[in-house]
Amino acid sequence: MVGPPGITPRATTDLSDPNLESIPPVLVADGIVGSFRAAIAGVLRTIASQRNMKIHVLSGLMVLIVCMALPLSLDVRVALIFAVAIVWFAEILNSALEAFVDLHIRTYHRLAMMAKDAAAAGVLILACGTVVVLLEILYTQWHVVTGNLPSVQRAVIFGVPCVVVEAIGLFVVRRGALAL
């Protein structure tokens, strides 16, 4: 997109990005199987092509490690899982909206920028809310954290390398050249 003088427009979604092609096209079958295959391909393409989605995947993995390390009640685990899932959902919708706007708007338009910024703001609000939920749970359940320090230490010892390897896989390794 070309912007007005003095304003640099944000980067657009590059629909020719080779990361999008690393996931094979979905051979859509009729019925529910085809719907699930297309949905899974959409999630994988979003993860492969969107930096913020990769960050949300890493954050979700860290929340999962916290959930597994502590003996939290079912309602607390459900709240955390739901919070992470809703952030992922919002990021996928944000990516879809940005791709749709980029597909139809070839030059800078203020309304297109407002739509993209509003969608990104929605994801930011949900992500901040998820952090608040996690912090509130840890604050109110701090006795569980301090009472299970060996579990917390194990989660750190095994979780940190897991997150590092996942980060390398998401941000460093490019599919295609290294794909098996």
N, C-alpha and C. Protein backbone atom coordinates (compact mmCIF):
# COMPACT_ATOMS: atom_id res chain seq x y z
N MET A 1 0.83 -1.18 0.00
CA MET A 1 0.00 0.00 0.00
C MET A 1 0.88 1.24 0.00
N VAL A 2 0.43 2.25 -0.70
CA VAL A 2 1.14 3.52 -0.76
C VAL A 2 0.39 4.50 0.13
N GLY A 3 1.08 5.13 1.06
CA GLY A 3 0.45 6.03 2.02
C GLY A 3 0.61 7.48 1.62
N PRO A 4 -0.06 8.36 2.35
CA PRO A 4 0.08 9.78 2.09
C PRO A 4 1.47 10.24 2.50
N PRO A 5 1.90 11.42 2.03
CA PRO A 5 3.25 11.90 2.36
C PRO A 5 3.45 11.99 3.88
N GLY A 6 4.58 11.51 4.34
CA GLY A 6 4.92 11.58 5.75
C GLY A 6 4.40 10.43 6.59
N ILE A 7 3.57 9.57 6.03
CA ILE A 7 3.02 8.43 6.79
C ILE A 7 3.47 7.15 6.10
N THR A 8 4.11 6.31 6.86
CA THR A 8 4.52 5.02 6.33
C THR A 8 3.46 3.99 6.69
N PRO A 9 2.80 3.41 5.70
CA PRO A 9 1.76 2.43 6.02
C PRO A 9 2.38 1.17 6.62
N ARG A 10 1.59 0.48 7.45
CA ARG A 10 2.05 -0.76 8.04
C ARG A 10 2.24 -1.81 6.96
N ALA A 11 3.06 -2.79 7.29
CA ALA A 11 3.30 -3.88 6.34
C ALA A 11 2.00 -4.63 6.08
N THR A 12 1.83 -5.05 4.87
CA THR A 12 0.64 -5.82 4.52
C THR A 12 0.96 -7.30 4.55
N THR A 13 -0.07 -8.09 4.56
CA THR A 13 0.11 -9.53 4.51
C THR A 13 0.57 -9.90 3.11
N ASP A 14 1.70 -10.53 3.02
CA ASP A 14 2.24 -10.93 1.72
C ASP A 14 1.66 -12.29 1.37
N LEU A 15 0.70 -12.29 0.47
CA LEU A 15 0.03 -13.54 0.11
C LEU A 15 0.92 -14.44 -0.72
N SER A 16 2.08 -13.95 -1.17
CA SER A 16 3.03 -14.80 -1.89
C SER A 16 4.13 -15.29 -0.97
N ASP A 17 3.97 -15.11 0.34
CA ASP A 17 4.94 -15.55 1.34
C ASP A 17 5.18 -17.06 1.19
N PRO A 18 6.44 -17.49 1.06
CA PRO A 18 6.71 -18.92 0.91
C PRO A 18 6.28 -19.75 2.11
N ASN A 19 6.16 -19.14 3.30
CA ASN A 19 5.68 -19.88 4.47
C ASN A 19 4.25 -20.36 4.27
N LEU A 20 3.48 -19.61 3.51
CA LEU A 20 2.11 -20.03 3.24
C LEU A 20 2.09 -21.28 2.38
N GLU A 21 3.09 -21.44 1.54
CA GLU A 21 3.14 -22.59 0.63
C GLU A 21 3.74 -23.82 1.28
N SER A 22 4.34 -23.68 2.48
CA SER A 22 4.94 -24.83 3.14
C SER A 22 3.89 -25.80 3.64
N ILE A 23 2.66 -25.34 3.76
CA ILE A 23 1.56 -26.21 4.17
C ILE A 23 0.83 -26.59 2.90
N PRO A 24 0.73 -27.89 2.61
CA PRO A 24 0.11 -28.29 1.35
C PRO A 24 -1.34 -27.84 1.28
N PRO A 25 -1.82 -27.58 0.07
CA PRO A 25 -3.22 -27.17 -0.06
C PRO A 25 -4.15 -28.28 0.40
N VAL A 26 -5.27 -27.86 0.90
CA VAL A 26 -6.25 -28.81 1.40
C VAL A 26 -7.04 -29.36 0.22
N LEU A 27 -7.09 -30.67 0.13
CA LEU A 27 -7.95 -31.31 -0.85
C LEU A 27 -9.31 -31.45 -0.17
N VAL A 28 -10.19 -30.53 -0.47
CA VAL A 28 -11.44 -30.46 0.27
C VAL A 28 -12.35 -31.61 -0.10
N ALA A 29 -12.64 -32.42 0.88
CA ALA A 29 -13.60 -33.50 0.72
C ALA A 29 -14.96 -32.96 1.12
N ASP A 30 -15.96 -33.62 0.65
CA ASP A 30 -17.31 -33.20 1.02
C ASP A 30 -17.56 -33.54 2.49
N GLY A 31 -18.38 -32.74 3.11
CA GLY A 31 -18.82 -33.05 4.45
C GLY A 31 -17.91 -32.52 5.54
N ILE A 32 -18.07 -33.13 6.68
CA ILE A 32 -17.40 -32.66 7.89
C ILE A 32 -15.90 -32.84 7.84
N VAL A 33 -15.42 -33.90 7.18
CA VAL A 33 -13.98 -34.15 7.09
C VAL A 33 -13.30 -33.01 6.33
N GLY A 34 -13.87 -32.59 5.24
CA GLY A 34 -13.32 -31.48 4.47
C GLY A 34 -13.31 -30.18 5.26
N SER A 35 -14.35 -29.96 6.05
CA SER A 35 -14.41 -28.76 6.88
C SER A 35 -13.30 -28.75 7.92
N PHE A 36 -13.08 -29.90 8.56
CA PHE A 36 -12.02 -29.97 9.57
C PHE A 36 -10.64 -29.82 8.94
N ARG A 37 -10.41 -30.42 7.77
CA ARG A 37 -9.12 -30.29 7.11
C ARG A 37 -8.84 -28.84 6.73
N ALA A 38 -9.86 -28.15 6.23
CA ALA A 38 -9.68 -26.74 5.86
C ALA A 38 -9.41 -25.88 7.11
N ALA A 39 -10.11 -26.17 8.20
CA ALA A 39 -9.90 -25.40 9.43
C ALA A 39 -8.50 -25.62 9.99
N ILE A 40 -8.04 -26.86 10.00
CA ILE A 40 -6.69 -27.15 10.50
C ILE A 40 -5.64 -26.49 9.61
N ALA A 41 -5.84 -26.52 8.31
CA ALA A 41 -4.91 -25.85 7.40
C ALA A 41 -4.90 -24.34 7.66
N GLY A 42 -6.06 -23.76 7.98
CA GLY A 42 -6.11 -22.33 8.29
C GLY A 42 -5.31 -21.99 9.54
N VAL A 43 -5.42 -22.83 10.56
CA VAL A 43 -4.65 -22.61 11.79
C VAL A 43 -3.16 -22.72 11.49
N LEU A 44 -2.76 -23.75 10.74
CA LEU A 44 -1.34 -23.95 10.44
C LEU A 44 -0.78 -22.82 9.58
N ARG A 45 -1.56 -22.35 8.61
CA ARG A 45 -1.10 -21.24 7.78
C ARG A 45 -0.96 -19.96 8.59
N THR A 46 -1.88 -19.75 9.52
CA THR A 46 -1.79 -18.56 10.36
C THR A 46 -0.54 -18.63 11.23
N ILE A 47 -0.26 -19.79 11.81
CA ILE A 47 0.94 -19.94 12.62
C ILE A 47 2.19 -19.76 11.76
N ALA A 48 2.18 -20.30 10.55
CA ALA A 48 3.36 -20.24 9.69
C ALA A 48 3.64 -18.82 9.20
N SER A 49 2.61 -18.01 9.04
CA SER A 49 2.83 -16.72 8.37
C SER A 49 2.70 -15.50 9.27
N GLN A 50 2.18 -15.65 10.47
CA GLN A 50 1.93 -14.47 11.32
C GLN A 50 2.81 -14.50 12.56
N ARG A 51 3.68 -13.50 12.68
CA ARG A 51 4.60 -13.42 13.83
C ARG A 51 3.85 -13.39 15.16
N ASN A 52 2.78 -12.61 15.23
CA ASN A 52 2.05 -12.50 16.49
C ASN A 52 1.39 -13.82 16.88
N MET A 53 0.96 -14.60 15.90
CA MET A 53 0.37 -15.90 16.22
C MET A 53 1.43 -16.82 16.80
N LYS A 54 2.65 -16.72 16.29
CA LYS A 54 3.75 -17.52 16.85
C LYS A 54 3.99 -17.14 18.31
N ILE A 55 3.91 -15.85 18.61
CA ILE A 55 4.08 -15.39 19.99
C ILE A 55 2.95 -15.95 20.86
N HIS A 56 1.73 -15.95 20.34
CA HIS A 56 0.60 -16.49 21.10
C HIS A 56 0.74 -18.00 21.32
N VAL A 57 1.29 -18.70 20.35
CA VAL A 57 1.52 -20.14 20.52
C VAL A 57 2.53 -20.38 21.64
N LEU A 58 3.62 -19.61 21.64
CA LEU A 58 4.61 -19.74 22.71
C LEU A 58 4.01 -19.39 24.07
N SER A 59 3.23 -18.34 24.12
CA SER A 59 2.60 -17.94 25.38
C SER A 59 1.64 -19.02 25.87
N GLY A 60 0.89 -19.59 24.95
CA GLY A 60 -0.02 -20.67 25.31
C GLY A 60 0.72 -21.88 25.84
N LEU A 61 1.87 -22.19 25.24
CA LEU A 61 2.70 -23.30 25.73
C LEU A 61 3.18 -23.03 27.15
N MET A 62 3.57 -21.79 27.43
CA MET A 62 4.02 -21.45 28.78
C MET A 62 2.87 -21.57 29.80
N VAL A 63 1.68 -21.14 29.41
CA VAL A 63 0.52 -21.28 30.30
C VAL A 63 0.21 -22.75 30.53
N LEU A 64 0.33 -23.56 29.48
CA LEU A 64 0.12 -25.01 29.62
C LEU A 64 1.11 -25.62 30.59
N ILE A 65 2.35 -25.20 30.52
CA ILE A 65 3.38 -25.71 31.44
C ILE A 65 3.04 -25.33 32.88
N VAL A 66 2.56 -24.10 33.09
CA VAL A 66 2.15 -23.68 34.43
C VAL A 66 0.98 -24.54 34.92
N CYS A 67 0.00 -24.76 34.04
CA CYS A 67 -1.15 -25.58 34.41
C CYS A 67 -0.75 -27.00 34.78
N MET A 68 0.20 -27.56 34.06
CA MET A 68 0.63 -28.93 34.33
C MET A 68 1.47 -29.01 35.59
N ALA A 69 2.18 -27.96 35.95
CA ALA A 69 3.09 -27.99 37.09
C ALA A 69 2.35 -27.88 38.42
N LEU A 70 1.22 -27.22 38.41
CA LEU A 70 0.52 -26.95 39.67
C LEU A 70 -0.78 -27.75 39.75
N PRO A 71 -1.11 -28.22 40.94
CA PRO A 71 -2.39 -28.93 41.12
C PRO A 71 -3.55 -27.93 41.25
N LEU A 72 -3.88 -27.29 40.16
CA LEU A 72 -4.95 -26.30 40.15
C LEU A 72 -6.29 -27.01 39.96
N SER A 73 -7.34 -26.37 40.44
CA SER A 73 -8.67 -26.96 40.31
C SER A 73 -9.14 -26.91 38.85
N LEU A 74 -10.16 -27.68 38.56
CA LEU A 74 -10.66 -27.77 37.19
C LEU A 74 -11.15 -26.42 36.67
N ASP A 75 -11.84 -25.66 37.48
CA ASP A 75 -12.35 -24.37 37.02
C ASP A 75 -11.22 -23.40 36.69
N VAL A 76 -10.13 -23.46 37.43
CA VAL A 76 -8.99 -22.60 37.15
C VAL A 76 -8.32 -23.03 35.84
N ARG A 77 -8.16 -24.33 35.64
CA ARG A 77 -7.56 -24.82 34.39
C ARG A 77 -8.43 -24.46 33.19
N VAL A 78 -9.74 -24.61 33.33
CA VAL A 78 -10.65 -24.27 32.24
C VAL A 78 -10.57 -22.78 31.92
N ALA A 79 -10.50 -21.94 32.95
CA ALA A 79 -10.40 -20.49 32.72
C ALA A 79 -9.14 -20.15 31.93
N LEU A 80 -8.01 -20.76 32.30
CA LEU A 80 -6.76 -20.48 31.59
C LEU A 80 -6.81 -20.99 30.14
N ILE A 81 -7.29 -22.20 29.96
CA ILE A 81 -7.38 -22.76 28.60
C ILE A 81 -8.31 -21.92 27.74
N PHE A 82 -9.44 -21.52 28.30
CA PHE A 82 -10.39 -20.70 27.54
C PHE A 82 -9.79 -19.34 27.20
N ALA A 83 -9.08 -18.75 28.13
CA ALA A 83 -8.45 -17.44 27.87
C ALA A 83 -7.44 -17.54 26.73
N VAL A 84 -6.62 -18.59 26.74
CA VAL A 84 -5.64 -18.78 25.66
C VAL A 84 -6.36 -19.04 24.33
N ALA A 85 -7.39 -19.87 24.36
CA ALA A 85 -8.11 -20.21 23.13
C ALA A 85 -8.78 -18.97 22.53
N ILE A 86 -9.30 -18.11 23.34
CA ILE A 86 -9.98 -16.92 22.81
C ILE A 86 -8.98 -15.94 22.21
N VAL A 87 -7.77 -15.88 22.76
CA VAL A 87 -6.73 -15.04 22.16
C VAL A 87 -6.33 -15.61 20.80
N TRP A 88 -6.17 -16.93 20.72
CA TRP A 88 -5.83 -17.55 19.43
C TRP A 88 -6.93 -17.27 18.42
N PHE A 89 -8.18 -17.42 18.83
CA PHE A 89 -9.31 -17.16 17.95
C PHE A 89 -9.28 -15.72 17.43
N ALA A 90 -9.05 -14.78 18.34
CA ALA A 90 -9.01 -13.37 17.94
C ALA A 90 -7.86 -13.10 16.98
N GLU A 91 -6.70 -13.71 17.22
CA GLU A 91 -5.55 -13.50 16.34
C GLU A 91 -5.82 -14.09 14.95
N ILE A 92 -6.48 -15.23 14.89
CA ILE A 92 -6.81 -15.83 13.59
C ILE A 92 -7.80 -14.92 12.85
N LEU A 93 -8.80 -14.40 13.55
CA LEU A 93 -9.74 -13.47 12.90
C LEU A 93 -9.03 -12.19 12.46
N ASN A 94 -8.12 -11.69 13.28
CA ASN A 94 -7.35 -10.50 12.92
C ASN A 94 -6.55 -10.75 11.65
N SER A 95 -5.90 -11.90 11.57
CA SER A 95 -5.11 -12.24 10.38
C SER A 95 -6.00 -12.34 9.15
N ALA A 96 -7.19 -12.94 9.32
CA ALA A 96 -8.11 -13.05 8.20
C ALA A 96 -8.58 -11.68 7.73
N LEU A 97 -8.89 -10.81 8.68
CA LEU A 97 -9.33 -9.46 8.32
C LEU A 97 -8.23 -8.69 7.61
N GLU A 98 -7.00 -8.79 8.12
CA GLU A 98 -5.88 -8.09 7.47
C GLU A 98 -5.66 -8.61 6.06
N ALA A 99 -5.72 -9.92 5.87
CA ALA A 99 -5.55 -10.48 4.52
C ALA A 99 -6.67 -10.03 3.60
N PHE A 100 -7.89 -9.97 4.12
CA PHE A 100 -9.04 -9.54 3.32
C PHE A 100 -8.89 -8.08 2.91
N VAL A 101 -8.49 -7.24 3.84
CA VAL A 101 -8.30 -5.82 3.53
C VAL A 101 -7.18 -5.65 2.52
N ASP A 102 -6.06 -6.36 2.71
CA ASP A 102 -4.93 -6.27 1.78
C ASP A 102 -5.31 -6.75 0.38
N LEU A 103 -6.19 -7.73 0.33
CA LEU A 103 -6.61 -8.27 -0.96
C LEU A 103 -7.45 -7.26 -1.74
N HIS A 104 -8.21 -6.44 -1.03
CA HIS A 104 -9.14 -5.54 -1.71
C HIS A 104 -8.70 -4.08 -1.75
N ILE A 105 -7.75 -3.69 -0.93
CA ILE A 105 -7.28 -2.30 -0.90
C ILE A 105 -5.82 -2.29 -1.33
N ARG A 106 -5.55 -1.72 -2.49
CA ARG A 106 -4.19 -1.71 -3.01
C ARG A 106 -3.43 -0.43 -2.69
N THR A 107 -4.13 0.65 -2.33
CA THR A 107 -3.48 1.89 -1.95
C THR A 107 -3.90 2.24 -0.52
N TYR A 108 -3.17 3.16 0.08
CA TYR A 108 -3.47 3.55 1.45
C TYR A 108 -4.88 4.11 1.53
N HIS A 109 -5.61 3.63 2.53
CA HIS A 109 -6.93 4.18 2.80
C HIS A 109 -7.10 4.24 4.32
N ARG A 110 -7.53 5.38 4.81
CA ARG A 110 -7.64 5.58 6.25
C ARG A 110 -8.60 4.58 6.90
N LEU A 111 -9.69 4.26 6.24
CA LEU A 111 -10.65 3.31 6.81
C LEU A 111 -10.08 1.89 6.87
N ALA A 112 -9.28 1.54 5.88
CA ALA A 112 -8.63 0.22 5.92
C ALA A 112 -7.66 0.16 7.10
N MET A 113 -6.90 1.23 7.32
CA MET A 113 -5.98 1.28 8.44
C MET A 113 -6.76 1.19 9.76
N MET A 114 -7.89 1.89 9.85
CA MET A 114 -8.68 1.87 11.08
C MET A 114 -9.22 0.46 11.35
N ALA A 115 -9.66 -0.23 10.31
CA ALA A 115 -10.19 -1.59 10.48
C ALA A 115 -9.09 -2.53 10.97
N LYS A 116 -7.91 -2.44 10.35
CA LYS A 116 -6.81 -3.31 10.76
C LYS A 116 -6.33 -3.00 12.16
N ASP A 117 -6.24 -1.71 12.50
CA ASP A 117 -5.80 -1.32 13.83
C ASP A 117 -6.81 -1.73 14.90
N ALA A 118 -8.10 -1.61 14.59
CA ALA A 118 -9.13 -1.99 15.56
C ALA A 118 -9.09 -3.49 15.82
N ALA A 119 -8.89 -4.28 14.78
CA ALA A 119 -8.80 -5.73 14.97
C ALA A 119 -7.58 -6.09 15.80
N ALA A 120 -6.46 -5.44 15.53
CA ALA A 120 -5.24 -5.69 16.31
C ALA A 120 -5.43 -5.24 17.76
N ALA A 121 -6.14 -4.15 17.98
CA ALA A 121 -6.41 -3.67 19.34
C ALA A 121 -7.26 -4.67 20.11
N GLY A 122 -8.21 -5.30 19.42
CA GLY A 122 -9.03 -6.32 20.07
C GLY A 122 -8.19 -7.48 20.56
N VAL A 123 -7.24 -7.92 19.74
CA VAL A 123 -6.35 -9.01 20.15
C VAL A 123 -5.49 -8.57 21.33
N LEU A 124 -4.99 -7.34 21.28
CA LEU A 124 -4.17 -6.84 22.38
C LEU A 124 -4.96 -6.81 23.69
N ILE A 125 -6.19 -6.37 23.65
CA ILE A 125 -7.02 -6.32 24.85
C ILE A 125 -7.23 -7.73 25.41
N LEU A 126 -7.53 -8.68 24.54
CA LEU A 126 -7.72 -10.06 25.00
C LEU A 126 -6.44 -10.66 25.56
N ALA A 127 -5.31 -10.39 24.91
CA ALA A 127 -4.03 -10.92 25.41
C ALA A 127 -3.70 -10.33 26.78
N CYS A 128 -3.91 -9.02 26.95
CA CYS A 128 -3.68 -8.40 28.26
C CYS A 128 -4.63 -8.98 29.30
N GLY A 129 -5.87 -9.20 28.93
CA GLY A 129 -6.83 -9.82 29.84
C GLY A 129 -6.41 -11.21 30.26
N THR A 130 -5.83 -11.97 29.33
CA THR A 130 -5.35 -13.31 29.66
C THR A 130 -4.20 -13.25 30.65
N VAL A 131 -3.32 -12.28 30.48
CA VAL A 131 -2.21 -12.12 31.44
C VAL A 131 -2.77 -11.76 32.81
N VAL A 132 -3.77 -10.89 32.85
CA VAL A 132 -4.39 -10.53 34.13
C VAL A 132 -5.03 -11.75 34.79
N VAL A 133 -5.72 -12.57 34.00
CA VAL A 133 -6.33 -13.79 34.54
C VAL A 133 -5.26 -14.70 35.13
N LEU A 134 -4.16 -14.91 34.41
CA LEU A 134 -3.08 -15.76 34.92
C LEU A 134 -2.49 -15.18 36.20
N LEU A 135 -2.22 -13.89 36.22
CA LEU A 135 -1.65 -13.27 37.41
C LEU A 135 -2.61 -13.34 38.60
N GLU A 136 -3.88 -13.14 38.35
CA GLU A 136 -4.88 -13.24 39.42
C GLU A 136 -4.95 -14.66 39.98
N ILE A 137 -4.90 -15.64 39.11
CA ILE A 137 -4.92 -17.03 39.56
C ILE A 137 -3.67 -17.33 40.38
N LEU A 138 -2.51 -16.91 39.89
CA LEU A 138 -1.28 -17.16 40.64
C LEU A 138 -1.29 -16.42 41.98
N TYR A 139 -1.83 -15.20 41.99
CA TYR A 139 -1.89 -14.43 43.24
C TYR A 139 -2.80 -15.10 44.27
N THR A 140 -4.00 -15.50 43.83
CA THR A 140 -4.94 -16.11 44.77
C THR A 140 -4.55 -17.55 45.13
N GLN A 141 -3.75 -18.19 44.31
CA GLN A 141 -3.34 -19.57 44.56
C GLN A 141 -1.86 -19.65 44.92
N TRP A 142 -1.29 -18.58 45.44
CA TRP A 142 0.14 -18.55 45.71
C TRP A 142 0.56 -19.65 46.68
N HIS A 143 -0.34 -20.00 47.61
CA HIS A 143 -0.04 -21.09 48.54
C HIS A 143 0.16 -22.41 47.80
N VAL A 144 -0.53 -22.58 46.68
CA VAL A 144 -0.36 -23.79 45.86
C VAL A 144 1.02 -23.77 45.21
N VAL A 145 1.44 -22.59 44.74
CA VAL A 145 2.76 -22.46 44.11
C VAL A 145 3.86 -22.75 45.13
N THR A 146 3.79 -22.10 46.29
CA THR A 146 4.84 -22.29 47.30
C THR A 146 4.81 -23.69 47.91
N GLY A 147 3.64 -24.30 47.94
CA GLY A 147 3.54 -25.66 48.48
C GLY A 147 3.99 -26.74 47.52
N ASN A 148 4.23 -26.38 46.27
CA ASN A 148 4.62 -27.35 45.26
C ASN A 148 5.90 -26.91 44.54
N LEU A 149 6.87 -26.44 45.31
CA LEU A 149 8.11 -25.94 44.70
C LEU A 149 8.85 -27.00 43.89
N PRO A 150 8.89 -28.28 44.30
CA PRO A 150 9.55 -29.27 43.43
C PRO A 150 8.88 -29.39 42.05
N SER A 151 7.56 -29.31 42.03
CA SER A 151 6.85 -29.35 40.74
C SER A 151 7.16 -28.12 39.90
N VAL A 152 7.24 -26.98 40.55
CA VAL A 152 7.56 -25.74 39.84
C VAL A 152 8.98 -25.82 39.28
N GLN A 153 9.92 -26.33 40.07
CA GLN A 153 11.30 -26.47 39.60
C GLN A 153 11.38 -27.42 38.42
N ARG A 154 10.66 -28.54 38.48
CA ARG A 154 10.64 -29.48 37.35
C ARG A 154 10.05 -28.82 36.11
N ALA A 155 9.00 -28.04 36.30
CA ALA A 155 8.38 -27.35 35.17
C ALA A 155 9.35 -26.37 34.53
N VAL A 156 10.14 -25.69 35.35
CA VAL A 156 11.13 -24.75 34.81
C VAL A 156 12.25 -25.51 34.10
N ILE A 157 12.74 -26.59 34.73
CA ILE A 157 13.85 -27.36 34.15
C ILE A 157 13.47 -27.97 32.80
N PHE A 158 12.26 -28.51 32.70
CA PHE A 158 11.84 -29.13 31.45
C PHE A 158 11.07 -28.17 30.53
N GLY A 159 10.41 -27.18 31.11
CA GLY A 159 9.61 -26.27 30.32
C GLY A 159 10.40 -25.24 29.56
N VAL A 160 11.45 -24.70 30.17
CA VAL A 160 12.25 -23.67 29.49
C VAL A 160 12.89 -24.23 28.22
N PRO A 161 13.55 -25.41 28.27
CA PRO A 161 14.08 -25.94 27.01
C PRO A 161 12.99 -26.22 25.97
N CYS A 162 11.84 -26.67 26.43
CA CYS A 162 10.73 -26.94 25.51
C CYS A 162 10.30 -25.65 24.81
N VAL A 163 10.18 -24.57 25.56
CA VAL A 163 9.78 -23.29 24.98
C VAL A 163 10.86 -22.76 24.04
N VAL A 164 12.13 -22.93 24.41
CA VAL A 164 13.23 -22.46 23.56
C VAL A 164 13.23 -23.23 22.23
N VAL A 165 13.07 -24.54 22.30
CA VAL A 165 13.04 -25.35 21.07
C VAL A 165 11.85 -24.96 20.21
N GLU A 166 10.70 -24.74 20.83
CA GLU A 166 9.52 -24.32 20.07
C GLU A 166 9.74 -22.95 19.44
N ALA A 167 10.38 -22.03 20.17
CA ALA A 167 10.66 -20.70 19.62
C ALA A 167 11.60 -20.80 18.42
N ILE A 168 12.62 -21.65 18.52
CA ILE A 168 13.54 -21.85 17.39
C ILE A 168 12.77 -22.42 16.20
N GLY A 169 11.91 -23.39 16.48
CA GLY A 169 11.11 -23.98 15.40
C GLY A 169 10.17 -22.99 14.75
N LEU A 170 9.62 -22.07 15.53
CA LEU A 170 8.68 -21.11 14.97
C LEU A 170 9.35 -19.92 14.30
N PHE A 171 10.46 -19.43 14.87
CA PHE A 171 11.03 -18.17 14.39
C PHE A 171 12.30 -18.34 13.56
N VAL A 172 13.05 -19.41 13.77
CA VAL A 172 14.35 -19.54 13.11
C VAL A 172 14.28 -20.50 11.93
N VAL A 173 13.80 -21.70 12.16
CA VAL A 173 13.77 -22.73 11.13
C VAL A 173 12.70 -22.38 10.09
N ARG A 174 13.11 -22.34 8.86
CA ARG A 174 12.18 -22.09 7.77
C ARG A 174 11.84 -23.41 7.13
N ARG A 175 10.57 -23.65 6.95
CA ARG A 175 10.17 -24.90 6.29
C ARG A 175 10.57 -24.82 4.83
N GLY A 176 10.58 -25.92 4.20
CA GLY A 176 10.97 -25.96 2.80
C GLY A 176 12.38 -26.50 2.67
N ALA A 177 13.36 -25.68 3.00
CA ALA A 177 14.75 -26.10 2.90
C ALA A 177 15.08 -27.19 3.92
N LEU A 178 14.48 -27.10 5.12
CA LEU A 178 14.78 -28.07 6.16
C LEU A 178 13.65 -29.08 6.37
N ALA A 179 12.61 -28.99 5.59
CA ALA A 179 11.49 -29.92 5.75
C ALA A 179 11.90 -31.33 5.37
N LEU A 180 11.41 -32.25 6.13
CA LEU A 180 11.73 -33.66 5.85
C LEU A 180 10.77 -34.26 4.88
